Amino acid sequence: MVGPEYEARVPAVPSVIKQLFDLVTEGKDSGEVSKSEQKRVTIHLESGWSARIEWRVPERYSALIYKGACQLDLRAAELDGPVTTIFAVAYKSEIEIIVPPGVRVELGGFGTSGEVDGDPGPNAPIIVVRGFAHKGSIEARTSPSHP
C-alpha cells in the first residue's frame, strides 16, 4: 500500500492507539504503585514512567508505551510466582527492565536485547520478556543493588 491511501491511514493510527489506551485506563491512575498494589498493565502515551520502588509484580504483566520511556526496576519487586511473564510493546519508545543478579531472563520478540549477568541457581526466579519494539527498544539488564 503506497500513495494517498497509505497517507490517509497512517495519521489515524496514533489516534486509534490513544483511544485504545484511554479505554483501558479509563478511571485509573497509572502513577505511583504501593507495595501492596498489584498492577497488571502499564500504559503511557507520550510520557515516561518508572517503577523504582517496592511493588508486587503479577505472574503476567504488560507494558505498552507510545512515544515515551519506561523503566521497570525489579530489584526491590516482589514476584508473585516462580515465572513472571512481561509483555512489552514500545512504539517510538524505550522500555528498560532492570533485574537483580541471579535471576534467569528469557528474551523473545522483535527489538529486544539483554545483558544479564550472574549465575542463576536451579530455583532462581524466571522473568520471561516477550516484546515488540518499532522505532524503539526493549532492554533487560542486570544491576547489583537497588538505588
Protein backbone atom coordinates (compact mmCIF):
# COMPACT_ATOMS: atom_id res chain seq x y z
CA MET A 1 0.00 0.00 0.00
CA VAL A 2 1.53 3.30 -1.11
CA GLY A 3 0.40 6.73 -2.12
CA PRO A 4 -2.71 8.58 -0.95
CA GLU A 5 -4.38 5.51 0.53
CA TYR A 6 -1.36 4.88 2.81
CA GLU A 7 -1.07 8.55 3.76
CA ALA A 8 -4.77 8.65 4.62
CA ARG A 9 -4.45 5.68 7.01
CA VAL A 10 -1.15 6.50 8.76
CA PRO A 11 -2.33 9.62 10.65
CA ALA A 12 -5.27 7.62 12.01
CA VAL A 13 -3.05 5.04 13.71
CA PRO A 14 -1.91 7.22 16.67
CA SER A 15 -5.50 8.33 17.35
CA VAL A 16 -6.68 4.71 17.37
CA ILE A 17 -3.88 3.80 19.81
CA LYS A 18 -4.80 6.76 22.04
CA GLN A 19 -8.46 5.69 22.03
CA LEU A 20 -7.46 2.15 22.99
CA PHE A 21 -5.22 3.45 25.80
CA ASP A 22 -7.98 5.76 27.06
CA LEU A 23 -10.46 2.86 27.07
CA VAL A 24 -8.13 0.55 29.01
CA THR A 25 -7.06 3.19 31.55
CA GLU A 26 -10.43 4.89 32.00
CA GLY A 27 -10.84 5.89 35.63
CA LYS A 28 -7.42 4.54 36.60
CA ASP A 29 -4.37 6.44 37.76
CA SER A 30 -1.20 4.92 36.35
CA GLY A 31 1.11 6.85 38.67
CA GLU A 32 2.80 5.53 41.80
CA VAL A 33 2.28 1.96 42.88
CA SER A 34 2.42 0.94 46.53
CA LYS A 35 3.91 -2.38 47.60
CA SER A 36 0.52 -3.86 48.36
CA GLU A 37 -0.93 -2.89 44.98
CA GLN A 38 -0.58 -5.15 42.02
CA LYS A 39 -0.74 -3.61 38.57
CA ARG A 40 -1.23 -5.84 35.58
CA VAL A 41 -0.88 -3.20 32.86
CA THR A 42 1.14 -0.03 32.45
CA ILE A 43 0.11 2.17 29.54
CA HIS A 44 1.66 5.53 28.78
CA LEU A 45 1.10 7.83 25.86
CA GLU A 46 3.79 10.42 25.16
CA SER A 47 5.13 10.30 28.71
CA GLY A 48 7.53 8.41 30.92
CA TRP A 49 7.08 6.04 33.83
CA SER A 50 9.46 4.47 36.29
CA ALA A 51 8.88 1.75 38.86
CA ARG A 52 11.82 2.09 41.26
CA ILE A 53 10.00 1.18 44.44
CA GLU A 54 8.94 -1.96 46.24
CA TRP A 55 5.97 -3.30 44.32
CA ARG A 56 4.24 -6.58 43.60
CA VAL A 57 4.58 -7.92 40.08
CA PRO A 58 1.89 -10.38 38.95
CA GLU A 59 2.75 -13.51 37.01
CA ARG A 60 1.60 -11.76 33.80
CA TYR A 61 2.38 -8.07 33.34
CA SER A 62 2.05 -5.81 30.29
CA ALA A 63 3.76 -2.52 29.46
CA LEU A 64 2.56 -0.54 26.43
CA ILE A 65 4.50 2.65 25.80
CA TYR A 66 3.81 5.05 22.94
CA LYS A 67 6.38 7.83 22.34
CA GLY A 68 7.82 7.71 25.84
CA ALA A 69 10.08 5.79 28.18
CA CYS A 70 9.51 3.17 30.85
CA GLN A 71 11.85 1.73 33.45
CA LEU A 72 10.77 -1.40 35.30
CA ASP A 73 13.16 -1.88 38.21
CA LEU A 74 12.57 -5.37 39.56
CA ARG A 75 15.42 -5.35 42.11
CA ALA A 76 13.09 -4.45 45.00
CA ALA A 77 9.98 -6.03 43.47
CA GLU A 78 8.10 -8.95 44.93
CA LEU A 79 7.33 -11.51 42.23
CA ASP A 80 4.05 -13.41 42.62
CA GLY A 81 5.28 -16.64 41.11
CA PRO A 82 8.40 -18.55 40.08
CA VAL A 83 7.84 -17.44 36.46
CA THR A 84 6.91 -13.86 35.60
CA THR A 85 5.99 -13.02 32.01
CA ILE A 86 6.29 -9.42 30.85
CA PHE A 87 4.65 -8.43 27.58
CA ALA A 88 6.24 -5.21 26.35
CA VAL A 89 5.28 -3.03 23.39
CA ALA A 90 7.39 0.03 22.63
CA TYR A 91 6.33 2.26 19.74
CA LYS A 92 8.90 5.03 19.27
CA SER A 93 9.80 4.33 22.89
CA GLU A 94 12.31 2.67 25.19
CA ILE A 95 11.50 0.11 27.85
CA GLU A 96 14.27 -0.80 30.29
CA ILE A 97 13.87 -3.79 32.60
CA ILE A 98 16.39 -3.99 35.46
CA VAL A 99 16.75 -7.31 37.28
CA PRO A 100 18.93 -8.38 40.22
CA PRO A 101 21.78 -10.84 39.70
CA GLY A 102 20.79 -14.49 39.94
CA VAL A 103 17.52 -14.11 38.05
CA ARG A 104 17.14 -16.00 34.80
CA VAL A 105 15.86 -13.81 31.97
CA GLU A 106 14.44 -15.20 28.73
CA LEU A 107 14.03 -12.62 25.96
CA GLY A 108 11.99 -13.02 22.81
CA GLY A 109 10.26 -10.96 20.21
CA PHE A 110 11.29 -8.14 17.93
CA GLY A 111 13.55 -5.29 19.05
CA THR A 112 14.61 -6.84 22.36
CA SER A 113 18.12 -7.10 23.77
CA GLY A 114 19.68 -8.16 27.03
CA GLU A 115 22.84 -8.08 29.08
CA VAL A 116 22.14 -10.24 32.08
CA ASP A 117 24.99 -11.35 34.35
CA GLY A 118 25.14 -13.77 37.23
CA ASP A 119 24.69 -17.47 37.60
CA PRO A 120 21.06 -18.31 38.31
CA GLY A 121 20.64 -21.32 40.54
CA PRO A 122 18.20 -24.14 39.82
CA ASN A 123 15.45 -22.49 41.89
CA ALA A 124 16.06 -18.96 40.61
CA PRO A 125 13.04 -16.94 39.55
CA ILE A 126 12.48 -16.69 35.80
CA ILE A 127 11.48 -13.50 34.02
CA VAL A 128 10.21 -14.07 30.50
CA VAL A 129 10.11 -10.94 28.33
CA ARG A 130 8.05 -11.04 25.16
CA GLY A 131 8.38 -7.78 23.32
CA PHE A 132 7.77 -5.82 20.20
CA ALA A 133 9.60 -2.56 19.55
CA HIS A 134 9.02 -0.39 16.50
CA LYS A 135 11.42 2.55 16.18
CA GLY A 136 12.35 1.90 19.81
CA SER A 137 13.92 -0.70 22.08
CA ILE A 138 13.24 -3.12 24.90
CA GLU A 139 16.26 -3.93 27.03
CA ALA A 140 16.77 -6.21 30.02
CA ARG A 141 19.90 -5.81 32.11
CA THR A 142 21.34 -6.76 35.47
CA SER A 143 22.21 -4.29 38.18
CA PRO A 144 23.54 -5.44 41.52
CA SER A 145 21.97 -3.12 44.06
CA HIS A 146 18.84 -1.06 44.45
CA PRO A 147 19.50 2.72 44.34
